[in-house]
Amino acid sequence: MWSKERALHVRQCAIAALRQPVNYLGLRETLTNDSEYKKYWGNELHPSARGFDLVTAKFANLSSTL
């Protein structure tokens, strides 16, 4: 059974696919939460500079395809 978070992600992807020009950028697994998490997270809510670089790269990748 899927978690509520996973179910929401799947629904958001489906809605974006039906609605043009909507693009869904999934960022949920961009930043790690393993033993190396302090490299990517500034605190519990905000990414560090390195984490922002990873998020920015995903946005740049998507915008280059538009």
N, C-alpha and C. Protein backbone atom coordinates (compact mmCIF):
# COMPACT_ATOMS: atom_id res chain seq x y z
N MET A 1 0.83 -1.18 0.00
CA MET A 1 0.00 0.00 0.00
C MET A 1 0.88 1.25 0.00
N TRP A 2 0.48 2.23 -0.78
CA TRP A 2 1.26 3.46 -0.88
C TRP A 2 1.03 4.36 0.33
N SER A 3 2.05 5.12 0.63
CA SER A 3 1.88 6.14 1.66
C SER A 3 1.04 7.28 1.08
N LYS A 4 0.52 8.11 1.94
CA LYS A 4 -0.27 9.26 1.47
C LYS A 4 0.59 10.18 0.62
N GLU A 5 1.86 10.32 0.98
CA GLU A 5 2.78 11.17 0.23
C GLU A 5 2.98 10.63 -1.19
N ARG A 6 3.19 9.34 -1.29
CA ARG A 6 3.38 8.71 -2.61
C ARG A 6 2.11 8.81 -3.44
N ALA A 7 0.95 8.59 -2.83
CA ALA A 7 -0.32 8.68 -3.56
C ALA A 7 -0.53 10.10 -4.09
N LEU A 8 -0.21 11.12 -3.28
CA LEU A 8 -0.33 12.50 -3.73
C LEU A 8 0.60 12.77 -4.90
N HIS A 9 1.82 12.30 -4.82
CA HIS A 9 2.80 12.47 -5.91
C HIS A 9 2.26 11.86 -7.21
N VAL A 10 1.71 10.68 -7.14
CA VAL A 10 1.17 10.01 -8.34
C VAL A 10 0.02 10.83 -8.92
N ARG A 11 -0.87 11.32 -8.07
CA ARG A 11 -1.99 12.14 -8.55
C ARG A 11 -1.51 13.43 -9.19
N GLN A 12 -0.52 14.07 -8.60
CA GLN A 12 0.01 15.31 -9.16
C GLN A 12 0.62 15.07 -10.54
N CYS A 13 1.33 13.98 -10.70
CA CYS A 13 1.91 13.64 -12.00
C CYS A 13 0.81 13.42 -13.03
N ALA A 14 -0.25 12.72 -12.65
CA ALA A 14 -1.35 12.44 -13.57
C ALA A 14 -2.06 13.72 -13.98
N ILE A 15 -2.30 14.61 -13.03
CA ILE A 15 -2.97 15.88 -13.35
C ILE A 15 -2.10 16.72 -14.28
N ALA A 16 -0.81 16.79 -14.01
CA ALA A 16 0.09 17.56 -14.87
C ALA A 16 0.10 17.02 -16.29
N ALA A 17 0.01 15.70 -16.43
CA ALA A 17 0.02 15.09 -17.76
C ALA A 17 -1.24 15.45 -18.55
N LEU A 18 -2.33 15.68 -17.86
CA LEU A 18 -3.60 16.01 -18.53
C LEU A 18 -3.75 17.50 -18.81
N ARG A 19 -3.06 18.33 -18.09
CA ARG A 19 -3.23 19.78 -18.19
C ARG A 19 -2.00 20.40 -18.85
N GLN A 20 -2.15 20.84 -20.04
CA GLN A 20 -1.04 21.50 -20.72
C GLN A 20 -1.25 23.00 -20.65
N PRO A 21 -0.32 23.81 -20.40
CA PRO A 21 1.12 23.58 -20.33
C PRO A 21 1.64 23.43 -18.90
N VAL A 22 1.06 22.55 -18.10
CA VAL A 22 1.53 22.32 -16.74
C VAL A 22 2.67 21.31 -16.76
N ASN A 23 3.70 21.62 -16.02
CA ASN A 23 4.82 20.70 -15.85
C ASN A 23 4.97 20.41 -14.37
N TYR A 24 5.11 19.15 -14.03
CA TYR A 24 5.30 18.75 -12.64
C TYR A 24 6.75 18.38 -12.44
N LEU A 25 7.38 19.02 -11.49
CA LEU A 25 8.78 18.75 -11.18
C LEU A 25 8.84 18.10 -9.82
N GLY A 26 9.06 16.81 -9.79
CA GLY A 26 9.14 16.07 -8.53
C GLY A 26 10.50 16.26 -7.88
N LEU A 27 10.50 16.85 -6.72
CA LEU A 27 11.76 17.13 -6.01
C LEU A 27 11.91 16.31 -4.74
N ARG A 28 10.97 15.43 -4.48
CA ARG A 28 10.94 14.72 -3.20
C ARG A 28 12.22 13.95 -2.89
N GLU A 29 12.83 13.35 -3.84
CA GLU A 29 14.02 12.53 -3.56
C GLU A 29 15.31 13.20 -4.02
N THR A 30 15.26 14.52 -4.18
CA THR A 30 16.44 15.26 -4.62
C THR A 30 17.49 15.33 -3.52
N LEU A 31 17.04 15.60 -2.31
CA LEU A 31 17.97 15.74 -1.19
C LEU A 31 17.91 14.48 -0.33
N THR A 32 19.06 13.99 0.02
CA THR A 32 19.16 12.76 0.77
C THR A 32 18.78 12.94 2.24
N ASN A 33 18.34 11.89 2.86
CA ASN A 33 18.09 11.92 4.31
C ASN A 33 18.84 10.79 5.00
N ASP A 34 19.94 10.36 4.39
CA ASP A 34 20.76 9.31 4.99
C ASP A 34 21.82 9.94 5.90
N SER A 35 22.86 9.21 6.20
CA SER A 35 23.89 9.71 7.13
C SER A 35 24.64 10.93 6.59
N GLU A 36 24.53 11.21 5.31
CA GLU A 36 25.19 12.35 4.69
C GLU A 36 24.27 13.57 4.60
N TYR A 37 23.11 13.53 5.24
CA TYR A 37 22.10 14.56 5.05
C TYR A 37 22.57 15.97 5.39
N LYS A 38 23.51 16.13 6.31
CA LYS A 38 23.95 17.47 6.70
C LYS A 38 24.65 18.21 5.56
N LYS A 39 25.11 17.48 4.56
CA LYS A 39 25.71 18.13 3.39
C LYS A 39 24.65 18.84 2.55
N TYR A 40 23.42 18.38 2.63
CA TYR A 40 22.35 18.85 1.75
C TYR A 40 21.27 19.67 2.46
N TRP A 41 21.22 19.57 3.77
CA TRP A 41 20.19 20.28 4.53
C TRP A 41 20.82 21.28 5.48
N GLY A 42 20.34 22.54 5.45
CA GLY A 42 20.80 23.56 6.38
C GLY A 42 20.14 23.38 7.73
N ASN A 43 18.87 22.95 7.71
CA ASN A 43 18.10 22.63 8.91
C ASN A 43 16.97 21.69 8.48
N GLU A 44 15.98 21.51 9.32
CA GLU A 44 14.92 20.54 9.00
C GLU A 44 14.04 20.97 7.84
N LEU A 45 14.10 22.24 7.47
CA LEU A 45 13.21 22.77 6.45
C LEU A 45 13.92 23.28 5.20
N HIS A 46 15.12 23.80 5.36
CA HIS A 46 15.80 24.48 4.27
C HIS A 46 17.06 23.74 3.82
N PRO A 47 17.24 23.65 2.51
CA PRO A 47 18.47 23.03 1.99
C PRO A 47 19.69 23.91 2.27
N SER A 48 20.83 23.28 2.28
CA SER A 48 22.09 24.01 2.36
C SER A 48 22.40 24.55 0.96
N ALA A 49 23.51 25.24 0.81
CA ALA A 49 23.91 25.74 -0.51
C ALA A 49 24.08 24.58 -1.48
N ARG A 50 24.66 23.50 -1.02
CA ARG A 50 24.84 22.31 -1.86
C ARG A 50 23.49 21.70 -2.24
N GLY A 51 22.55 21.68 -1.30
CA GLY A 51 21.22 21.18 -1.57
C GLY A 51 20.48 22.05 -2.58
N PHE A 52 20.60 23.38 -2.43
CA PHE A 52 19.98 24.29 -3.40
C PHE A 52 20.55 24.07 -4.79
N ASP A 53 21.84 23.77 -4.87
CA ASP A 53 22.44 23.49 -6.19
C ASP A 53 21.77 22.30 -6.86
N LEU A 54 21.46 21.26 -6.08
CA LEU A 54 20.80 20.08 -6.64
C LEU A 54 19.38 20.40 -7.11
N VAL A 55 18.66 21.18 -6.31
CA VAL A 55 17.30 21.58 -6.67
C VAL A 55 17.33 22.47 -7.92
N THR A 56 18.25 23.43 -7.94
CA THR A 56 18.38 24.34 -9.07
C THR A 56 18.70 23.57 -10.36
N ALA A 57 19.52 22.56 -10.26
CA ALA A 57 19.87 21.76 -11.44
C ALA A 57 18.63 21.08 -12.02
N LYS A 58 17.74 20.61 -11.16
CA LYS A 58 16.51 19.98 -11.66
C LYS A 58 15.62 21.00 -12.37
N PHE A 59 15.51 22.21 -11.81
CA PHE A 59 14.73 23.26 -12.47
C PHE A 59 15.36 23.62 -13.81
N ALA A 60 16.67 23.75 -13.84
CA ALA A 60 17.36 24.11 -15.08
C ALA A 60 17.17 23.03 -16.14
N ASN A 61 17.22 21.77 -15.73
CA ASN A 61 17.02 20.67 -16.66
C ASN A 61 15.62 20.72 -17.26
N LEU A 62 14.62 20.95 -16.43
CA LEU A 62 13.24 21.03 -16.93
C LEU A 62 13.07 22.24 -17.86
N SER A 63 13.58 23.39 -17.46
CA SER A 63 13.38 24.60 -18.28
C SER A 63 14.10 24.51 -19.62
N SER A 64 15.15 23.72 -19.69
CA SER A 64 15.86 23.57 -20.97
C SER A 64 15.05 22.72 -21.97
N THR A 65 14.06 22.01 -21.47
CA THR A 65 13.24 21.18 -22.37
C THR A 65 11.97 21.89 -22.82
N LEU A 66 11.69 23.06 -22.28
CA LEU A 66 10.46 23.78 -22.61
C LEU A 66 10.59 24.58 -23.88
